Amino acid sequence: MTEYVWPHLGKYDLIDGRGPQLEKHQALKSIKRGLRRTDAFEKYTKFAIVRHPFTRFASLYQGHRGPESAPELIEKLHAGGKDSGIWAFYWSAQRWLCDGDRYENLLADRVFRIEDGTEQIKIFLLKQGIPLSAFPHVNRGTHTKKSKAYYDGMEALCGDVMGQFRELYAWDYGRFQYG
């Protein structure tokens, strides 16, 4: 998305947290705090693209696996590991997209599910003045039979801790109607 939108941005537009005193991959709450003018955040059109929580977790775990097995990591996060540095990597979409101490207020104007395809995203961008063209696919994972089997088997691997996982990502499952 960054590669698609970047050429169409104006001098003061932001993308993925890049801008004055901002860094890439920041929560919207942090971007809002990082803007010099307090009213500036409201003037921006803010959108996000989310991914099924389990698929996202499996992808992150596969690419950045630590010493724990996936079930051990889920158990650690569920047991209060949210305060550890590793939790930020696995944050729920709620922590990235909402404001407040309890993360109750959605700050994005629009949120798209990647599983729904790109047509609605393109229509939205067209309304923002960004012309339609093919999305470049950068940062593409390697989708082999081996990795497909990994994703398909990941949920079974974690079967005994899926309840804990669903609790960690309950907001994502409910808000974005993931089954």
C-alpha atoms as a PDB file:
ATOM      1  CA  MET A   1       0.000   0.000   0.000  1.00  0.00           C
ATOM      2  CA  THR A   2       2.853   2.357   0.803  1.00  0.00           C
ATOM      3  CA  GLU A   3       4.334   1.894  -2.670  1.00  0.00           C
ATOM      4  CA  TYR A   4       0.918   2.449  -4.281  1.00  0.00           C
ATOM      5  CA  VAL A   5      -0.026   5.623  -2.382  1.00  0.00           C
ATOM      6  CA  TRP A   6       3.384   7.275  -1.919  1.00  0.00           C
ATOM      7  CA  PRO A   7       3.671   8.913  -5.396  1.00  0.00           C
ATOM      8  CA  HIS A   8       0.290  10.632  -4.941  1.00  0.00           C
ATOM      9  CA  LEU A   9       0.872  12.262  -1.577  1.00  0.00           C
ATOM     10  CA  GLY A  10       1.257  15.957  -0.998  1.00  0.00           C
ATOM     11  CA  LYS A  11       4.010  17.743   0.880  1.00  0.00           C
ATOM     12  CA  TYR A  12       2.267  17.441   4.254  1.00  0.00           C
ATOM     13  CA  ASP A  13       0.681  14.006   3.863  1.00  0.00           C
ATOM     14  CA  LEU A  14       1.796  11.102   6.020  1.00  0.00           C
ATOM     15  CA  ILE A  15       1.978   7.423   5.280  1.00  0.00           C
ATOM     16  CA  ASP A  16       2.663   4.623   7.714  1.00  0.00           C
ATOM     17  CA  GLY A  17       3.774   7.127  10.324  1.00  0.00           C
ATOM     18  CA  ARG A  18       6.454   8.726   8.139  1.00  0.00           C
ATOM     19  CA  GLY A  19       6.609  12.443   8.575  1.00  0.00           C
ATOM     20  CA  PRO A  20       7.976  15.140  10.843  1.00  0.00           C
ATOM     21  CA  GLN A  21       9.045  13.536  14.134  1.00  0.00           C
ATOM     22  CA  LEU A  22       7.285  10.278  13.213  1.00  0.00           C
ATOM     23  CA  GLU A  23       8.568   6.813  12.499  1.00  0.00           C
ATOM     24  CA  LYS A  24       7.355   3.908  10.409  1.00  0.00           C
ATOM     25  CA  HIS A  25       4.992   1.404  12.053  1.00  0.00           C
ATOM     26  CA  GLN A  26       3.541   3.562  14.772  1.00  0.00           C
ATOM     27  CA  ALA A  27       0.128   3.194  16.325  1.00  0.00           C
ATOM     28  CA  LEU A  28      -2.346   5.887  15.263  1.00  0.00           C
ATOM     29  CA  LYS A  29      -2.382   7.075  18.869  1.00  0.00           C
ATOM     30  CA  SER A  30       1.377   7.739  18.640  1.00  0.00           C
ATOM     31  CA  ILE A  31       1.069   9.460  15.277  1.00  0.00           C
ATOM     32  CA  LYS A  32      -1.628  11.717  16.704  1.00  0.00           C
ATOM     33  CA  ARG A  33       0.654  12.646  19.628  1.00  0.00           C
ATOM     34  CA  GLY A  34       3.600  13.185  17.266  1.00  0.00           C
ATOM     35  CA  LEU A  35       1.927  15.849  15.174  1.00  0.00           C
ATOM     36  CA  ARG A  36       2.915  19.375  16.101  1.00  0.00           C
ATOM     37  CA  ARG A  37      -0.588  20.799  15.842  1.00  0.00           C
ATOM     38  CA  THR A  38      -3.200  19.042  17.944  1.00  0.00           C
ATOM     39  CA  ASP A  39      -5.968  19.654  15.386  1.00  0.00           C
ATOM     40  CA  ALA A  40      -3.909  18.351  12.447  1.00  0.00           C
ATOM     41  CA  PHE A  41      -4.732  14.690  13.068  1.00  0.00           C
ATOM     42  CA  GLU A  42      -8.463  15.256  12.549  1.00  0.00           C
ATOM     43  CA  LYS A  43      -7.845  16.857   9.154  1.00  0.00           C
ATOM     44  CA  TYR A  44      -6.172  13.738   7.774  1.00  0.00           C
ATOM     45  CA  THR A  45      -8.087  10.869   6.191  1.00  0.00           C
ATOM     46  CA  LYS A  46      -6.904   7.839   8.116  1.00  0.00           C
ATOM     47  CA  PHE A  47      -7.329   4.298   6.847  1.00  0.00           C
ATOM     48  CA  ALA A  48      -5.885   0.933   7.675  1.00  0.00           C
ATOM     49  CA  ILE A  49      -5.821  -2.565   6.280  1.00  0.00           C
ATOM     50  CA  VAL A  50      -6.139  -5.445   8.717  1.00  0.00           C
ATOM     51  CA  ARG A  51      -5.461  -9.128   8.345  1.00  0.00           C
ATOM     52  CA  HIS A  52      -7.089 -12.123  10.042  1.00  0.00           C
ATOM     53  CA  PRO A  53      -5.499 -12.206  13.512  1.00  0.00           C
ATOM     54  CA  PHE A  54      -4.405 -15.816  13.288  1.00  0.00           C
ATOM     55  CA  THR A  55      -2.930 -15.534   9.793  1.00  0.00           C
ATOM     56  CA  ARG A  56      -1.096 -12.391  10.867  1.00  0.00           C
ATOM     57  CA  PHE A  57       0.228 -14.082  14.004  1.00  0.00           C
ATOM     58  CA  ALA A  58       1.353 -17.142  12.034  1.00  0.00           C
ATOM     59  CA  SER A  59       3.136 -14.960   9.489  1.00  0.00           C
ATOM     60  CA  LEU A  60       4.879 -12.893  12.169  1.00  0.00           C
ATOM     61  CA  TYR A  61       5.829 -15.998  14.093  1.00  0.00           C
ATOM     62  CA  GLN A  62       7.178 -17.737  10.992  1.00  0.00           C
ATOM     63  CA  GLY A  63       9.265 -14.720   9.989  1.00  0.00           C
ATOM     64  CA  HIS A  64      10.487 -13.648  13.432  1.00  0.00           C
ATOM     65  CA  ARG A  65      10.344 -16.751  15.550  1.00  0.00           C
ATOM     66  CA  GLY A  66      11.943 -16.607  18.951  1.00  0.00           C
ATOM     67  CA  PRO A  67      12.992 -19.495  21.172  1.00  0.00           C
ATOM     68  CA  GLU A  68       9.366 -20.336  22.130  1.00  0.00           C
ATOM     69  CA  SER A  69       7.065 -22.584  20.189  1.00  0.00           C
ATOM     70  CA  ALA A  70       3.911 -20.869  18.926  1.00  0.00           C
ATOM     71  CA  PRO A  71       1.778 -22.363  21.737  1.00  0.00           C
ATOM     72  CA  GLU A  72       4.376 -21.285  24.326  1.00  0.00           C
ATOM     73  CA  LEU A  73       4.400 -17.753  22.921  1.00  0.00           C
ATOM     74  CA  ILE A  74       0.587 -17.562  22.969  1.00  0.00           C
ATOM     75  CA  GLU A  75       0.557 -18.811  26.565  1.00  0.00           C
ATOM     76  CA  LYS A  76       3.234 -16.260  27.521  1.00  0.00           C
ATOM     77  CA  LEU A  77       1.333 -13.391  25.904  1.00  0.00           C
ATOM     78  CA  HIS A  78      -1.928 -14.549  27.487  1.00  0.00           C
ATOM     79  CA  ALA A  79      -0.321 -14.834  30.920  1.00  0.00           C
ATOM     80  CA  GLY A  80       0.590 -11.166  30.940  1.00  0.00           C
ATOM     81  CA  GLY A  81       3.474 -10.913  28.537  1.00  0.00           C
ATOM     82  CA  LYS A  82       1.860  -7.798  27.075  1.00  0.00           C
ATOM     83  CA  ASP A  83       4.312  -5.724  29.064  1.00  0.00           C
ATOM     84  CA  SER A  84       7.301  -7.406  27.473  1.00  0.00           C
ATOM     85  CA  GLY A  85       8.955  -5.884  24.430  1.00  0.00           C
ATOM     86  CA  ILE A  86       7.909  -8.789  22.256  1.00  0.00           C
ATOM     87  CA  TRP A  87       4.206  -8.103  22.761  1.00  0.00           C
ATOM     88  CA  ALA A  88       4.329  -4.887  20.704  1.00  0.00           C
ATOM     89  CA  PHE A  89       5.307  -6.987  17.717  1.00  0.00           C
ATOM     90  CA  TYR A  90       2.147  -9.088  18.141  1.00  0.00           C
ATOM     91  CA  TRP A  91      -0.248  -6.291  19.173  1.00  0.00           C
ATOM     92  CA  SER A  92      -3.903  -6.644  18.401  1.00  0.00           C
ATOM     93  CA  ALA A  93      -5.189  -4.281  15.694  1.00  0.00           C
ATOM     94  CA  GLN A  94      -6.991  -2.530  18.533  1.00  0.00           C
ATOM     95  CA  ARG A  95      -3.666  -1.276  19.930  1.00  0.00           C
ATOM     96  CA  TRP A  96      -2.593   0.015  16.503  1.00  0.00           C
ATOM     97  CA  LEU A  97      -5.876   1.698  15.564  1.00  0.00           C
ATOM     98  CA  CYS A  98      -7.492   2.990  18.757  1.00  0.00           C
ATOM     99  CA  ASP A  99      -6.979   5.778  21.274  1.00  0.00           C
ATOM    100  CA  GLY A 100      -7.391   6.058  25.013  1.00  0.00           C
ATOM    101  CA  ASP A 101      -6.064   4.056  27.924  1.00  0.00           C
ATOM    102  CA  ARG A 102      -8.432   1.200  27.158  1.00  0.00           C
ATOM    103  CA  TYR A 103      -8.107   1.592  23.390  1.00  0.00           C
ATOM    104  CA  GLU A 104     -11.826   2.118  22.964  1.00  0.00           C
ATOM    105  CA  ASN A 105     -11.982   4.863  20.289  1.00  0.00           C
ATOM    106  CA  LEU A 106     -11.210   3.848  16.720  1.00  0.00           C
ATOM    107  CA  LEU A 107      -9.010   6.555  15.170  1.00  0.00           C
ATOM    108  CA  ALA A 108      -9.098   5.313  11.572  1.00  0.00           C
ATOM    109  CA  ASP A 109     -11.816   6.703   9.330  1.00  0.00           C
ATOM    110  CA  ARG A 110     -11.966   3.458   7.382  1.00  0.00           C
ATOM    111  CA  VAL A 111     -10.601  -0.059   7.937  1.00  0.00           C
ATOM    112  CA  PHE A 112     -10.388  -2.695   5.213  1.00  0.00           C
ATOM    113  CA  ARG A 113      -9.891  -6.435   5.595  1.00  0.00           C
ATOM    114  CA  ILE A 114      -7.163  -7.667   3.238  1.00  0.00           C
ATOM    115  CA  GLU A 115      -9.091 -10.907   2.737  1.00  0.00           C
ATOM    116  CA  ASP A 116     -11.886  -8.936   1.051  1.00  0.00           C
ATOM    117  CA  GLY A 117      -9.607  -8.002  -1.848  1.00  0.00           C
ATOM    118  CA  THR A 118      -8.551  -4.651  -3.210  1.00  0.00           C
ATOM    119  CA  GLU A 119     -11.613  -3.349  -5.077  1.00  0.00           C
ATOM    120  CA  GLN A 120     -13.124  -1.444  -2.109  1.00  0.00           C
ATOM    121  CA  ILE A 121      -9.695  -0.061  -1.248  1.00  0.00           C
ATOM    122  CA  LYS A 122      -9.247   1.203  -4.809  1.00  0.00           C
ATOM    123  CA  ILE A 123     -12.684   2.877  -4.780  1.00  0.00           C
ATOM    124  CA  PHE A 124     -11.829   4.542  -1.464  1.00  0.00           C
ATOM    125  CA  LEU A 125      -8.472   5.762  -2.776  1.00  0.00           C
ATOM    126  CA  LEU A 126     -10.088   7.071  -5.962  1.00  0.00           C
ATOM    127  CA  LYS A 127     -12.429   9.178  -3.799  1.00  0.00           C
ATOM    128  CA  GLN A 128      -9.303  10.547  -2.080  1.00  0.00           C
ATOM    129  CA  GLY A 129      -7.933  11.631  -5.472  1.00  0.00           C
ATOM    130  CA  ILE A 130      -5.520   8.727  -5.914  1.00  0.00           C
ATOM    131  CA  PRO A 131      -5.838   7.227  -9.426  1.00  0.00           C
ATOM    132  CA  LEU A 132      -6.535   3.550  -9.938  1.00  0.00           C
ATOM    133  CA  SER A 133      -3.837   1.218 -11.169  1.00  0.00           C
ATOM    134  CA  ALA A 134      -2.530  -2.202 -10.275  1.00  0.00           C
ATOM    135  CA  PHE A 135      -1.275  -2.601  -6.721  1.00  0.00           C
ATOM    136  CA  PRO A 136       2.430  -3.432  -6.656  1.00  0.00           C
ATOM    137  CA  HIS A 137       3.033  -6.506  -4.511  1.00  0.00           C
ATOM    138  CA  VAL A 138       6.159  -5.872  -2.478  1.00  0.00           C
ATOM    139  CA  ASN A 139       7.339  -7.744   0.601  1.00  0.00           C
ATOM    140  CA  ARG A 140       5.767 -10.874  -0.830  1.00  0.00           C
ATOM    141  CA  GLY A 141       6.184 -13.988   1.250  1.00  0.00           C
ATOM    142  CA  THR A 142       7.215 -17.267  -0.260  1.00  0.00           C
ATOM    143  CA  HIS A 143       4.048 -19.232  -0.847  1.00  0.00           C
ATOM    144  CA  THR A 144       5.165 -22.768  -1.413  1.00  0.00           C
ATOM    145  CA  LYS A 145       3.387 -25.999  -0.628  1.00  0.00           C
ATOM    146  CA  LYS A 146       5.574 -26.167   2.483  1.00  0.00           C
ATOM    147  CA  SER A 147       4.538 -22.704   3.742  1.00  0.00           C
ATOM    148  CA  LYS A 148       0.867 -23.347   2.842  1.00  0.00           C
ATOM    149  CA  ALA A 149       1.017 -26.522   4.926  1.00  0.00           C
ATOM    150  CA  TYR A 150       2.605 -24.466   7.703  1.00  0.00           C
ATOM    151  CA  TYR A 151      -0.283 -21.988   7.753  1.00  0.00           C
ATOM    152  CA  ASP A 152      -2.907 -24.705   7.402  1.00  0.00           C
ATOM    153  CA  GLY A 153      -1.323 -26.713  10.226  1.00  0.00           C
ATOM    154  CA  MET A 154      -0.571 -23.787  12.535  1.00  0.00           C
ATOM    155  CA  GLU A 155      -4.086 -23.620  13.976  1.00  0.00           C
ATOM    156  CA  ALA A 156      -4.046 -27.356  14.699  1.00  0.00           C
ATOM    157  CA  LEU A 157      -0.617 -26.999  16.293  1.00  0.00           C
ATOM    158  CA  CYS A 158      -2.058 -24.416  18.658  1.00  0.00           C
ATOM    159  CA  GLY A 159      -5.400 -26.154  19.154  1.00  0.00           C
ATOM    160  CA  ASP A 160      -5.109 -26.393  22.946  1.00  0.00           C
ATOM    161  CA  VAL A 161      -4.287 -22.678  23.287  1.00  0.00           C
ATOM    162  CA  MET A 162      -6.682 -21.279  20.683  1.00  0.00           C
ATOM    163  CA  GLY A 163      -9.004 -20.098  23.473  1.00  0.00           C
ATOM    164  CA  GLN A 164      -6.162 -18.009  24.869  1.00  0.00           C
ATOM    165  CA  PHE A 165      -5.364 -16.719  21.399  1.00  0.00           C
ATOM    166  CA  ARG A 166      -8.982 -15.735  20.778  1.00  0.00           C
ATOM    167  CA  GLU A 167      -9.009 -13.862  24.107  1.00  0.00           C
ATOM    168  CA  LEU A 168      -5.859 -11.932  23.139  1.00  0.00           C
ATOM    169  CA  TYR A 169      -7.403 -10.927  19.819  1.00  0.00           C
ATOM    170  CA  ALA A 170     -11.096 -10.827  20.817  1.00  0.00           C
ATOM    171  CA  TRP A 171     -11.483  -7.210  19.704  1.00  0.00           C
ATOM    172  CA  ASP A 172     -10.077  -7.992  16.248  1.00  0.00           C
ATOM    173  CA  TYR A 173     -12.309 -11.041  15.809  1.00  0.00           C
ATOM    174  CA  GLY A 174     -15.409  -9.096  16.846  1.00  0.00           C
ATOM    175  CA  ARG A 175     -14.746  -5.705  15.273  1.00  0.00           C
ATOM    176  CA  PHE A 176     -13.755  -7.037  11.866  1.00  0.00           C
ATOM    177  CA  GLN A 177     -16.106 -10.044  11.893  1.00  0.00           C
ATOM    178  CA  TYR A 178     -13.486 -12.736  11.631  1.00  0.00           C
ATOM    179  CA  GLY A 179     -14.799 -16.228  12.321  1.00  0.00           C
END
